[in-house]
Amino acid sequence: MALLPHYVEGHNLLAGKSVLITAAAGAGIGFAAARKCVEEGCRAITISDIHEGRTAKSVEALKALGGTQLVFGRVANVVVEEQVQALVDDAEAQMGGVDVLINNAGLGGTKALVDMSDEEWNRVMDITLNGTMRMLRAMMRKMLPRNAGVIVNNASVLGWRAQPEQCHYAAAKAGVMALTRCAAMEAAPHGVRINAVSPSLAMH
């Protein structure tokens, strides 16, 4: 049995920085990233999710960690442009600007392509790819004029690796990778960094 790696303690890598994370309420990658940002000493953090109760509980859990006094939560759905804009505007106002955006919102599923409906395909695309684009676009409009900021998009190893019954999710994540590359080229002259990470399941 493989041993889990040693948990790396915070080194104050985000001291003085503010962070916005989508889909960060609950037990997944988003909340784990939010927790790590607090452990790394961010001065302020805003998390969003579509679940109001879960968002409130996650905000309290982050506050309980200590160290970061400014912890905010907002219910927002990345498929709705008005909610995306309100989330970005509120985070900017409450935290005095957003230094780091982590685009985590996404939706998977398991379905053979021959059995997949347009609705199932479009739902995964709209949340995973289009939602990332909406958040990226809104945040770039804030960061580029001030020539500062970092954006991290959550992709997946399925963006380049084939897996049965994952056509919609894999295509969306490959789209996130391509979107990241092109947006990064547009943002680089303005001093804004845009990258993607590609998580995978741990194999034991």
N, C-alpha and C. Protein backbone atom coordinates (compact mmCIF):
# COMPACT_ATOMS: atom_id res chain seq x y z
N MET A 1 0.85 -1.19 0.00
CA MET A 1 0.00 0.00 0.00
C MET A 1 0.89 1.24 0.00
N ALA A 2 0.59 2.17 -0.90
CA ALA A 2 1.37 3.41 -0.98
C ALA A 2 1.03 4.31 0.20
N LEU A 3 2.06 4.97 0.70
CA LEU A 3 1.86 5.90 1.81
C LEU A 3 1.52 7.28 1.27
N LEU A 4 0.65 7.98 1.98
CA LEU A 4 0.32 9.34 1.59
C LEU A 4 1.52 10.24 1.83
N PRO A 5 1.74 11.22 0.97
CA PRO A 5 2.89 12.12 1.17
C PRO A 5 2.71 12.97 2.42
N HIS A 6 3.81 13.40 2.98
CA HIS A 6 3.78 14.27 4.15
C HIS A 6 3.08 15.58 3.82
N TYR A 7 2.19 16.02 4.69
CA TYR A 7 1.47 17.27 4.47
C TYR A 7 2.43 18.44 4.66
N VAL A 8 2.52 19.29 3.67
CA VAL A 8 3.44 20.42 3.71
C VAL A 8 2.80 21.59 4.45
N GLU A 9 3.43 22.03 5.52
CA GLU A 9 2.92 23.16 6.28
C GLU A 9 3.08 24.46 5.50
N GLY A 10 2.29 25.47 5.88
CA GLY A 10 2.35 26.75 5.20
C GLY A 10 3.66 27.48 5.42
N HIS A 11 4.06 28.25 4.42
CA HIS A 11 5.29 29.04 4.50
C HIS A 11 5.03 30.52 4.21
N ASN A 12 3.80 30.95 4.45
CA ASN A 12 3.45 32.36 4.26
C ASN A 12 3.62 32.82 2.82
N LEU A 13 3.41 31.93 1.88
CA LEU A 13 3.62 32.25 0.47
C LEU A 13 2.60 33.23 -0.08
N LEU A 14 1.45 33.37 0.60
CA LEU A 14 0.40 34.28 0.12
C LEU A 14 0.22 35.47 1.07
N ALA A 15 1.22 35.75 1.84
CA ALA A 15 1.13 36.90 2.77
C ALA A 15 0.80 38.17 1.99
N GLY A 16 -0.21 38.88 2.47
CA GLY A 16 -0.60 40.14 1.84
C GLY A 16 -1.47 40.00 0.62
N LYS A 17 -1.81 38.77 0.21
CA LYS A 17 -2.58 38.54 -1.00
C LYS A 17 -4.04 38.21 -0.69
N SER A 18 -4.92 38.55 -1.63
CA SER A 18 -6.33 38.19 -1.52
C SER A 18 -6.66 37.16 -2.58
N VAL A 19 -7.57 36.24 -2.24
CA VAL A 19 -7.85 35.09 -3.11
C VAL A 19 -9.35 34.92 -3.29
N LEU A 20 -9.76 34.60 -4.52
CA LEU A 20 -11.14 34.25 -4.84
C LEU A 20 -11.15 32.85 -5.43
N ILE A 21 -12.01 31.96 -4.90
CA ILE A 21 -12.07 30.59 -5.37
C ILE A 21 -13.52 30.21 -5.65
N THR A 22 -13.77 29.64 -6.82
CA THR A 22 -15.12 29.17 -7.15
C THR A 22 -15.29 27.71 -6.73
N ALA A 23 -16.53 27.34 -6.48
CA ALA A 23 -16.88 25.96 -6.07
C ALA A 23 -15.99 25.49 -4.94
N ALA A 24 -15.94 26.29 -3.88
CA ALA A 24 -14.98 26.03 -2.79
C ALA A 24 -15.65 25.61 -1.49
N ALA A 25 -16.92 25.26 -1.53
CA ALA A 25 -17.60 24.83 -0.31
C ALA A 25 -17.78 23.32 -0.34
N GLY A 26 -17.38 22.66 0.72
CA GLY A 26 -17.54 21.22 0.78
C GLY A 26 -16.22 20.52 1.04
N ALA A 27 -16.08 19.31 0.51
CA ALA A 27 -14.91 18.49 0.83
C ALA A 27 -14.00 18.25 -0.37
N GLY A 28 -14.17 19.01 -1.45
CA GLY A 28 -13.41 18.77 -2.65
C GLY A 28 -12.16 19.62 -2.80
N ILE A 29 -11.67 19.71 -4.04
CA ILE A 29 -10.45 20.44 -4.34
C ILE A 29 -10.59 21.92 -3.98
N GLY A 30 -11.76 22.50 -4.22
CA GLY A 30 -11.95 23.93 -3.96
C GLY A 30 -11.74 24.30 -2.51
N PHE A 31 -12.35 23.54 -1.60
CA PHE A 31 -12.17 23.86 -0.18
C PHE A 31 -10.76 23.55 0.28
N ALA A 32 -10.17 22.46 -0.25
CA ALA A 32 -8.79 22.14 0.09
C ALA A 32 -7.85 23.27 -0.33
N ALA A 33 -8.11 23.85 -1.50
CA ALA A 33 -7.31 24.99 -1.97
C ALA A 33 -7.52 26.20 -1.07
N ALA A 34 -8.78 26.43 -0.67
CA ALA A 34 -9.07 27.56 0.21
C ALA A 34 -8.36 27.40 1.55
N ARG A 35 -8.41 26.21 2.09
CA ARG A 35 -7.72 25.94 3.36
C ARG A 35 -6.23 26.20 3.23
N LYS A 36 -5.66 25.74 2.11
CA LYS A 36 -4.22 25.93 1.91
C LYS A 36 -3.88 27.41 1.77
N CYS A 37 -4.73 28.17 1.12
CA CYS A 37 -4.49 29.61 0.98
C CYS A 37 -4.46 30.29 2.35
N VAL A 38 -5.37 29.88 3.23
CA VAL A 38 -5.38 30.42 4.59
C VAL A 38 -4.10 30.02 5.31
N GLU A 39 -3.71 28.76 5.18
CA GLU A 39 -2.49 28.29 5.82
C GLU A 39 -1.25 29.01 5.28
N GLU A 40 -1.33 29.46 4.04
CA GLU A 40 -0.22 30.19 3.44
C GLU A 40 -0.28 31.68 3.73
N GLY A 41 -1.20 32.10 4.60
CA GLY A 41 -1.19 33.46 5.10
C GLY A 41 -1.86 34.51 4.26
N CYS A 42 -2.81 34.14 3.39
CA CYS A 42 -3.49 35.16 2.60
C CYS A 42 -4.19 36.14 3.55
N ARG A 43 -4.23 37.39 3.16
CA ARG A 43 -4.84 38.41 4.02
C ARG A 43 -6.36 38.40 3.95
N ALA A 44 -6.91 37.89 2.83
CA ALA A 44 -8.36 37.84 2.65
C ALA A 44 -8.70 36.75 1.65
N ILE A 45 -9.89 36.15 1.82
CA ILE A 45 -10.31 35.11 0.90
C ILE A 45 -11.83 35.15 0.72
N THR A 46 -12.26 34.96 -0.50
CA THR A 46 -13.69 34.84 -0.82
C THR A 46 -13.91 33.50 -1.49
N ILE A 47 -14.86 32.73 -0.97
CA ILE A 47 -15.22 31.47 -1.61
C ILE A 47 -16.63 31.58 -2.15
N SER A 48 -16.89 30.90 -3.25
CA SER A 48 -18.24 30.87 -3.80
C SER A 48 -18.66 29.44 -4.05
N ASP A 49 -19.96 29.23 -4.11
CA ASP A 49 -20.51 27.92 -4.40
C ASP A 49 -21.99 28.12 -4.72
N ILE A 50 -22.65 27.08 -5.24
CA ILE A 50 -24.07 27.20 -5.52
C ILE A 50 -24.93 26.80 -4.33
N HIS A 51 -24.30 26.23 -3.28
CA HIS A 51 -25.03 25.76 -2.10
C HIS A 51 -24.85 26.76 -0.95
N GLU A 52 -25.93 27.42 -0.56
CA GLU A 52 -25.85 28.47 0.46
C GLU A 52 -25.40 27.93 1.81
N GLY A 53 -26.04 26.85 2.28
CA GLY A 53 -25.70 26.30 3.59
C GLY A 53 -24.27 25.80 3.66
N ARG A 54 -23.84 25.11 2.62
CA ARG A 54 -22.48 24.59 2.58
C ARG A 54 -21.46 25.72 2.52
N THR A 55 -21.81 26.78 1.81
CA THR A 55 -20.91 27.94 1.72
C THR A 55 -20.73 28.57 3.09
N ALA A 56 -21.82 28.74 3.82
CA ALA A 56 -21.75 29.34 5.15
C ALA A 56 -20.90 28.49 6.10
N LYS A 57 -21.09 27.17 6.05
CA LYS A 57 -20.30 26.28 6.91
C LYS A 57 -18.82 26.33 6.56
N SER A 58 -18.53 26.42 5.28
CA SER A 58 -17.14 26.47 4.84
C SER A 58 -16.46 27.77 5.24
N VAL A 59 -17.21 28.86 5.21
CA VAL A 59 -16.67 30.14 5.67
C VAL A 59 -16.30 30.05 7.14
N GLU A 60 -17.18 29.47 7.95
CA GLU A 60 -16.89 29.34 9.37
C GLU A 60 -15.69 28.43 9.62
N ALA A 61 -15.58 27.37 8.83
CA ALA A 61 -14.44 26.45 8.98
C ALA A 61 -13.13 27.16 8.65
N LEU A 62 -13.14 28.02 7.64
CA LEU A 62 -11.93 28.76 7.29
C LEU A 62 -11.58 29.79 8.36
N LYS A 63 -12.59 30.43 8.91
CA LYS A 63 -12.35 31.40 10.00
C LYS A 63 -11.75 30.70 11.21
N ALA A 64 -12.20 29.47 11.47
CA ALA A 64 -11.73 28.73 12.64
C ALA A 64 -10.26 28.37 12.54
N LEU A 65 -9.71 28.37 11.34
CA LEU A 65 -8.30 28.07 11.16
C LEU A 65 -7.41 29.17 11.74
N GLY A 66 -7.98 30.38 11.80
CA GLY A 66 -7.22 31.52 12.32
C GLY A 66 -6.24 32.06 11.30
N GLY A 67 -5.75 33.26 11.59
CA GLY A 67 -4.74 33.86 10.74
C GLY A 67 -5.30 34.78 9.68
N THR A 68 -6.39 34.39 9.04
CA THR A 68 -7.01 35.23 8.02
C THR A 68 -8.33 35.75 8.56
N GLN A 69 -8.39 37.04 8.79
CA GLN A 69 -9.57 37.63 9.41
C GLN A 69 -10.68 37.90 8.40
N LEU A 70 -10.31 38.20 7.15
CA LEU A 70 -11.30 38.55 6.15
C LEU A 70 -11.66 37.31 5.32
N VAL A 71 -12.75 36.67 5.71
CA VAL A 71 -13.22 35.47 5.02
C VAL A 71 -14.67 35.73 4.58
N PHE A 72 -14.91 35.66 3.29
CA PHE A 72 -16.23 35.95 2.75
C PHE A 72 -16.75 34.78 1.93
N GLY A 73 -18.06 34.67 1.87
CA GLY A 73 -18.69 33.64 1.06
C GLY A 73 -19.83 34.24 0.26
N ARG A 74 -20.02 33.75 -0.95
CA ARG A 74 -21.12 34.24 -1.78
C ARG A 74 -21.65 33.10 -2.63
N VAL A 75 -22.96 32.98 -2.67
CA VAL A 75 -23.59 32.00 -3.55
C VAL A 75 -23.54 32.53 -4.98
N ALA A 76 -22.98 31.74 -5.88
CA ALA A 76 -22.87 32.17 -7.28
C ALA A 76 -22.81 30.95 -8.18
N ASN A 77 -23.43 31.08 -9.34
CA ASN A 77 -23.45 30.01 -10.33
C ASN A 77 -22.69 30.50 -11.56
N VAL A 78 -21.64 29.80 -11.94
CA VAL A 78 -20.78 30.27 -13.03
C VAL A 78 -21.43 30.18 -14.40
N VAL A 79 -22.62 29.59 -14.49
CA VAL A 79 -23.30 29.56 -15.78
C VAL A 79 -24.15 30.81 -16.00
N VAL A 80 -24.27 31.64 -14.98
CA VAL A 80 -25.09 32.85 -15.06
C VAL A 80 -24.17 34.07 -15.05
N GLU A 81 -24.10 34.76 -16.17
CA GLU A 81 -23.17 35.88 -16.31
C GLU A 81 -23.38 36.95 -15.25
N GLU A 82 -24.63 37.25 -14.92
CA GLU A 82 -24.90 38.29 -13.92
C GLU A 82 -24.35 37.89 -12.56
N GLN A 83 -24.43 36.62 -12.20
CA GLN A 83 -23.91 36.16 -10.92
C GLN A 83 -22.38 36.15 -10.91
N VAL A 84 -21.79 35.82 -12.04
CA VAL A 84 -20.33 35.88 -12.16
C VAL A 84 -19.84 37.31 -11.95
N GLN A 85 -20.48 38.26 -12.61
CA GLN A 85 -20.05 39.65 -12.48
C GLN A 85 -20.25 40.17 -11.06
N ALA A 86 -21.38 39.79 -10.44
CA ALA A 86 -21.63 40.21 -9.06
C ALA A 86 -20.61 39.62 -8.10
N LEU A 87 -20.23 38.37 -8.33
CA LEU A 87 -19.23 37.72 -7.48
C LEU A 87 -17.89 38.45 -7.58
N VAL A 88 -17.45 38.72 -8.80
CA VAL A 88 -16.17 39.40 -8.99
C VAL A 88 -16.22 40.82 -8.42
N ASP A 89 -17.30 41.53 -8.68
CA ASP A 89 -17.42 42.91 -8.17
C ASP A 89 -17.41 42.94 -6.64
N ASP A 90 -18.15 42.01 -6.01
CA ASP A 90 -18.20 41.96 -4.55
C ASP A 90 -16.84 41.60 -3.95
N ALA A 91 -16.18 40.61 -4.55
CA ALA A 91 -14.87 40.19 -4.05
C ALA A 91 -13.87 41.34 -4.16
N GLU A 92 -13.91 42.04 -5.26
CA GLU A 92 -13.02 43.19 -5.45
C GLU A 92 -13.29 44.26 -4.39
N ALA A 93 -14.57 44.54 -4.14
CA ALA A 93 -14.93 45.60 -3.18
C ALA A 93 -14.60 45.18 -1.75
N GLN A 94 -14.96 43.96 -1.37
CA GLN A 94 -14.78 43.51 0.01
C GLN A 94 -13.32 43.33 0.38
N MET A 95 -12.51 42.88 -0.59
CA MET A 95 -11.12 42.57 -0.28
C MET A 95 -10.14 43.62 -0.77
N GLY A 96 -10.68 44.69 -1.37
CA GLY A 96 -9.79 45.73 -1.88
C GLY A 96 -9.00 45.27 -3.09
N GLY A 97 -9.65 44.46 -3.92
CA GLY A 97 -9.00 43.90 -5.10
C GLY A 97 -8.73 42.42 -4.92
N VAL A 98 -8.72 41.69 -6.03
CA VAL A 98 -8.41 40.26 -6.02
C VAL A 98 -7.03 40.05 -6.62
N ASP A 99 -6.14 39.46 -5.85
CA ASP A 99 -4.79 39.17 -6.34
C ASP A 99 -4.70 37.83 -7.06
N VAL A 100 -5.49 36.85 -6.57
CA VAL A 100 -5.43 35.49 -7.11
C VAL A 100 -6.86 34.97 -7.32
N LEU A 101 -7.13 34.45 -8.51
CA LEU A 101 -8.38 33.75 -8.78
C LEU A 101 -8.06 32.28 -9.04
N ILE A 102 -8.79 31.39 -8.36
CA ILE A 102 -8.70 29.96 -8.63
C ILE A 102 -10.03 29.51 -9.21
N ASN A 103 -10.02 29.16 -10.49
CA ASN A 103 -11.21 28.71 -11.19
C ASN A 103 -11.38 27.21 -10.97
N ASN A 104 -12.23 26.84 -10.03
CA ASN A 104 -12.37 25.43 -9.67
C ASN A 104 -13.69 24.82 -10.11
N ALA A 105 -14.68 25.65 -10.41
CA ALA A 105 -16.01 25.12 -10.73
C ALA A 105 -15.97 24.20 -11.96
N GLY A 106 -16.58 23.04 -11.84
CA GLY A 106 -16.64 22.09 -12.94
C GLY A 106 -17.62 20.98 -12.63
N LEU A 107 -18.02 20.27 -13.66
CA LEU A 107 -18.98 19.18 -13.51
C LEU A 107 -18.53 18.00 -14.35
N GLY A 108 -18.54 16.83 -13.74
CA GLY A 108 -18.19 15.62 -14.47
C GLY A 108 -19.42 14.75 -14.70
N GLY A 109 -19.19 13.47 -14.85
CA GLY A 109 -20.27 12.53 -15.10
C GLY A 109 -19.73 11.35 -15.88
N THR A 110 -20.47 10.27 -15.88
CA THR A 110 -20.07 9.07 -16.61
C THR A 110 -21.20 8.66 -17.54
N LYS A 111 -20.92 8.70 -18.84
CA LYS A 111 -21.96 8.37 -19.82
C LYS A 111 -21.30 8.05 -21.15
N ALA A 112 -21.69 6.96 -21.77
CA ALA A 112 -21.20 6.63 -23.10
C ALA A 112 -21.69 7.68 -24.09
N LEU A 113 -20.84 8.05 -25.03
CA LEU A 113 -21.20 9.10 -25.98
C LEU A 113 -22.46 8.73 -26.77
N VAL A 114 -22.61 7.46 -27.14
CA VAL A 114 -23.77 7.06 -27.94
C VAL A 114 -25.08 7.20 -27.18
N ASP A 115 -24.99 7.25 -25.85
CA ASP A 115 -26.19 7.38 -25.02
C ASP A 115 -26.38 8.80 -24.49
N MET A 116 -25.46 9.69 -24.80
CA MET A 116 -25.46 11.03 -24.21
C MET A 116 -26.42 11.96 -24.97
N SER A 117 -27.20 12.70 -24.21
CA SER A 117 -28.10 13.69 -24.81
C SER A 117 -27.38 15.02 -25.00
N ASP A 118 -27.93 15.88 -25.83
CA ASP A 118 -27.38 17.23 -25.98
C ASP A 118 -27.38 17.96 -24.64
N GLU A 119 -28.43 17.75 -23.86
CA GLU A 119 -28.54 18.43 -22.57
C GLU A 119 -27.40 18.03 -21.63
N GLU A 120 -27.08 16.74 -21.60
CA GLU A 120 -25.99 16.26 -20.74
C GLU A 120 -24.64 16.81 -21.20
N TRP A 121 -24.42 16.81 -22.50
CA TRP A 121 -23.18 17.37 -23.05
C TRP A 121 -23.08 18.87 -22.73
N ASN A 122 -24.15 19.60 -23.02
CA ASN A 122 -24.13 21.05 -22.84
C ASN A 122 -23.99 21.47 -21.39
N ARG A 123 -24.56 20.71 -20.47
CA ARG A 123 -24.46 21.06 -19.05
C ARG A 123 -23.01 20.98 -18.57
N VAL A 124 -22.30 19.92 -18.95
CA VAL A 124 -20.89 19.79 -18.57
C VAL A 124 -20.07 20.90 -19.22
N MET A 125 -20.31 21.18 -20.49
CA MET A 125 -19.58 22.23 -21.18
C MET A 125 -19.84 23.60 -20.57
N ASP A 126 -21.10 23.87 -20.23
CA ASP A 126 -21.44 25.21 -19.74
C ASP A 126 -20.83 25.49 -18.38
N ILE A 127 -20.79 24.49 -17.52
CA ILE A 127 -20.19 24.69 -16.20
C ILE A 127 -18.67 24.63 -16.27
N THR A 128 -18.15 23.59 -16.88
CA THR A 128 -16.72 23.31 -16.81
C THR A 128 -15.89 24.21 -17.71
N LEU A 129 -16.32 24.41 -18.95
CA LEU A 129 -15.56 25.24 -19.89
C LEU A 129 -16.08 26.67 -19.94
N ASN A 130 -17.37 26.85 -20.21
CA ASN A 130 -17.91 28.20 -20.33
C ASN A 130 -17.85 28.95 -19.00
N GLY A 131 -18.09 28.23 -17.90
CA GLY A 131 -18.01 28.87 -16.58
C GLY A 131 -16.61 29.37 -16.29
N THR A 132 -15.61 28.57 -16.66
CA THR A 132 -14.22 29.00 -16.49
C THR A 132 -13.95 30.24 -17.33
N MET A 133 -14.45 30.24 -18.57
CA MET A 133 -14.27 31.40 -19.43
C MET A 133 -14.92 32.65 -18.84
N ARG A 134 -16.14 32.51 -18.32
CA ARG A 134 -16.83 33.68 -17.77
C ARG A 134 -16.06 34.29 -16.60
N MET A 135 -15.59 33.45 -15.69
CA MET A 135 -14.82 33.94 -14.56
C MET A 135 -13.49 34.53 -15.01
N LEU A 136 -12.85 33.86 -15.94
CA LEU A 136 -11.56 34.33 -16.47
C LEU A 136 -11.72 35.69 -17.13
N ARG A 137 -12.73 35.83 -17.95
CA ARG A 137 -12.98 37.10 -18.64
C ARG A 137 -13.26 38.24 -17.65
N ALA A 138 -14.13 37.96 -16.69
CA ALA A 138 -14.48 39.00 -15.71
C ALA A 138 -13.28 39.43 -14.89
N MET A 139 -12.44 38.46 -14.52
CA MET A 139 -11.28 38.79 -13.69
C MET A 139 -10.18 39.46 -14.49
N MET A 140 -10.00 39.06 -15.74
CA MET A 140 -9.00 39.72 -16.59
C MET A 140 -9.34 41.19 -16.79
N ARG A 141 -10.63 41.49 -16.88
CA ARG A 141 -11.04 42.89 -17.04
C ARG A 141 -10.66 43.75 -15.84
N LYS A 142 -10.49 43.11 -14.69
CA LYS A 142 -10.04 43.83 -13.49
C LYS A 142 -8.52 43.86 -13.40
N MET A 143 -7.88 42.72 -13.68
CA MET A 143 -6.45 42.58 -13.45
C MET A 143 -5.59 43.26 -14.51
N LEU A 144 -5.99 43.16 -15.78
CA LEU A 144 -5.14 43.70 -16.84
C LEU A 144 -4.90 45.20 -16.72
N PRO A 145 -5.94 46.00 -16.41
CA PRO A 145 -5.69 47.44 -16.29
C PRO A 145 -4.73 47.82 -15.16
N ARG A 146 -4.65 46.99 -14.11
CA ARG A 146 -3.74 47.32 -13.02
C ARG A 146 -2.41 46.55 -13.11
N ASN A 147 -2.26 45.78 -14.20
CA ASN A 147 -0.99 45.11 -14.50
C ASN A 147 -0.51 44.21 -13.36
N ALA A 148 -1.43 43.46 -12.79
CA ALA A 148 -1.05 42.55 -11.70
C ALA A 148 -2.16 41.53 -11.49
N GLY A 149 -1.74 40.32 -11.12
CA GLY A 149 -2.72 39.29 -10.79
C GLY A 149 -2.28 37.92 -11.27
N VAL A 150 -2.88 36.90 -10.64
CA VAL A 150 -2.61 35.51 -10.99
C VAL A 150 -3.94 34.77 -11.09
N ILE A 151 -4.09 33.97 -12.13
CA ILE A 151 -5.29 33.15 -12.31
C ILE A 151 -4.86 31.71 -12.53
N VAL A 152 -5.49 30.80 -11.78
CA VAL A 152 -5.20 29.37 -11.91
C VAL A 152 -6.50 28.65 -12.28
N ASN A 153 -6.50 27.99 -13.42
CA ASN A 153 -7.66 27.23 -13.87
C ASN A 153 -7.48 25.75 -13.54
N ASN A 154 -8.54 25.14 -13.07
CA ASN A 154 -8.49 23.71 -12.74
C ASN A 154 -8.85 22.89 -13.98
N ALA A 155 -7.85 22.25 -14.56
CA ALA A 155 -8.08 21.37 -15.70
C ALA A 155 -8.13 19.93 -15.20
N SER A 156 -7.60 18.99 -15.95
CA SER A 156 -7.60 17.58 -15.55
C SER A 156 -6.68 16.81 -16.48
N VAL A 157 -6.15 15.69 -15.97
CA VAL A 157 -5.36 14.83 -16.85
C VAL A 157 -6.19 14.30 -18.00
N LEU A 158 -7.52 14.29 -17.85
CA LEU A 158 -8.38 13.83 -18.94
C LEU A 158 -8.40 14.81 -20.10
N GLY A 159 -7.79 15.98 -19.91
CA GLY A 159 -7.66 16.91 -21.01
C GLY A 159 -6.76 16.38 -22.10
N TRP A 160 -5.88 15.43 -21.76
CA TRP A 160 -5.02 14.82 -22.79
C TRP A 160 -5.02 13.30 -22.75
N ARG A 161 -5.66 12.70 -21.76
CA ARG A 161 -5.66 11.24 -21.63
C ARG A 161 -7.07 10.69 -21.86
N ALA A 162 -7.18 9.66 -22.68
CA ALA A 162 -8.50 9.10 -23.00
C ALA A 162 -9.02 8.21 -21.87
N GLN A 163 -10.34 8.25 -21.70
CA GLN A 163 -10.99 7.38 -20.72
C GLN A 163 -12.41 7.14 -21.18
N PRO A 164 -12.88 5.92 -21.15
CA PRO A 164 -14.24 5.63 -21.61
C PRO A 164 -15.30 6.39 -20.81
N GLU A 165 -16.37 6.76 -21.49
CA GLU A 165 -17.55 7.40 -20.90
C GLU A 165 -17.23 8.75 -20.28
N GLN A 166 -16.18 9.41 -20.78
CA GLN A 166 -15.80 10.72 -20.27
C GLN A 166 -15.64 11.74 -21.40
N CYS A 167 -16.30 11.51 -22.52
CA CYS A 167 -16.12 12.40 -23.68
C CYS A 167 -16.44 13.86 -23.36
N HIS A 168 -17.56 14.10 -22.66
CA HIS A 168 -17.96 15.48 -22.37
C HIS A 168 -16.98 16.16 -21.42
N TYR A 169 -16.62 15.47 -20.35
CA TYR A 169 -15.72 16.04 -19.35
C TYR A 169 -14.32 16.24 -19.92
N ALA A 170 -13.83 15.23 -20.66
CA ALA A 170 -12.49 15.33 -21.24
C ALA A 170 -12.42 16.46 -22.25
N ALA A 171 -13.44 16.59 -23.07
CA ALA A 171 -13.46 17.67 -24.06
C ALA A 171 -13.49 19.04 -23.38
N ALA A 172 -14.27 19.14 -22.32
CA ALA A 172 -14.34 20.41 -21.59
C ALA A 172 -13.01 20.77 -20.96
N LYS A 173 -12.35 19.79 -20.36
CA LYS A 173 -11.07 20.06 -19.71
C LYS A 173 -9.96 20.34 -20.73
N ALA A 174 -10.01 19.68 -21.89
CA ALA A 174 -9.07 20.03 -22.95
C ALA A 174 -9.31 21.46 -23.40
N GLY A 175 -10.58 21.86 -23.43
CA GLY A 175 -10.90 23.24 -23.75
C GLY A 175 -10.36 24.22 -22.73
N VAL A 176 -10.42 23.84 -21.44
CA VAL A 176 -9.85 24.69 -20.38
C VAL A 176 -8.35 24.88 -20.61
N MET A 177 -7.67 23.81 -21.02
CA MET A 177 -6.23 23.91 -21.27
C MET A 177 -5.94 24.88 -22.42
N ALA A 178 -6.67 24.75 -23.53
CA ALA A 178 -6.48 25.62 -24.67
C ALA A 178 -6.84 27.07 -24.33
N LEU A 179 -7.93 27.24 -23.60
CA LEU A 179 -8.34 28.56 -23.14
C LEU A 179 -7.25 29.20 -22.29
N THR A 180 -6.67 28.42 -21.41
CA THR A 180 -5.61 28.92 -20.53
C THR A 180 -4.40 29.38 -21.34
N ARG A 181 -3.98 28.58 -22.29
CA ARG A 181 -2.81 28.95 -23.10
C ARG A 181 -3.02 30.26 -23.84
N CYS A 182 -4.18 30.39 -24.48
CA CYS A 182 -4.45 31.59 -25.28
C CYS A 182 -4.63 32.82 -24.39
N ALA A 183 -5.37 32.66 -23.28
CA ALA A 183 -5.57 33.78 -22.36
C ALA A 183 -4.26 34.21 -21.73
N ALA A 184 -3.38 33.25 -21.45
CA ALA A 184 -2.08 33.57 -20.85
C ALA A 184 -1.26 34.46 -21.78
N MET A 185 -1.34 34.21 -23.07
CA MET A 185 -0.61 35.04 -24.03
C MET A 185 -1.15 36.47 -24.08
N GLU A 186 -2.47 36.59 -23.94
CA GLU A 186 -3.08 37.92 -23.93
C GLU A 186 -2.74 38.68 -22.65
N ALA A 187 -2.62 37.94 -21.54
CA ALA A 187 -2.43 38.58 -20.24
C ALA A 187 -0.97 38.90 -19.93
N ALA A 188 -0.06 38.12 -20.50
CA ALA A 188 1.36 38.25 -20.16
C ALA A 188 1.91 39.66 -20.35
N PRO A 189 1.60 40.37 -21.43
CA PRO A 189 2.13 41.73 -21.59
C PRO A 189 1.67 42.70 -20.50
N HIS A 190 0.62 42.32 -19.79
CA HIS A 190 0.09 43.16 -18.71
C HIS A 190 0.57 42.71 -17.33
N GLY A 191 1.50 41.76 -17.28
CA GLY A 191 2.03 41.30 -16.00
C GLY A 191 1.11 40.38 -15.24
N VAL A 192 0.10 39.81 -15.92
CA VAL A 192 -0.84 38.89 -15.28
C VAL A 192 -0.50 37.47 -15.72
N ARG A 193 -0.35 36.55 -14.75
CA ARG A 193 -0.03 35.16 -15.03
C ARG A 193 -1.29 34.31 -15.01
N ILE A 194 -1.44 33.47 -16.03
CA ILE A 194 -2.57 32.55 -16.10
C ILE A 194 -2.02 31.15 -16.36
N ASN A 195 -2.34 30.22 -15.48
CA ASN A 195 -1.86 28.85 -15.59
C ASN A 195 -3.02 27.88 -15.34
N ALA A 196 -2.77 26.61 -15.63
CA ALA A 196 -3.74 25.56 -15.32
C ALA A 196 -3.04 24.44 -14.58
N VAL A 197 -3.77 23.78 -13.72
CA VAL A 197 -3.28 22.56 -13.07
C VAL A 197 -4.16 21.41 -13.55
N SER A 198 -3.61 20.20 -13.56
CA SER A 198 -4.35 19.05 -14.08
C SER A 198 -4.32 17.91 -13.07
N PRO A 199 -5.24 17.92 -12.12
CA PRO A 199 -5.28 16.87 -11.08
C PRO A 199 -5.66 15.52 -11.67
N SER A 200 -5.34 14.47 -10.93
CA SER A 200 -5.74 13.12 -11.28
C SER A 200 -6.10 12.39 -9.99
N LEU A 201 -6.77 11.28 -10.12
CA LEU A 201 -7.06 10.45 -8.95
C LEU A 201 -5.79 9.81 -8.45
N ALA A 202 -5.63 9.75 -7.14
CA ALA A 202 -4.47 9.06 -6.56
C ALA A 202 -4.68 7.56 -6.70
N MET A 203 -3.67 6.90 -7.18
CA MET A 203 -3.76 5.45 -7.38
C MET A 203 -2.95 4.74 -6.29
N HIS A 204 -3.57 3.82 -5.56
CA HIS A 204 -2.88 3.11 -4.47
C HIS A 204 -2.81 1.63 -4.81
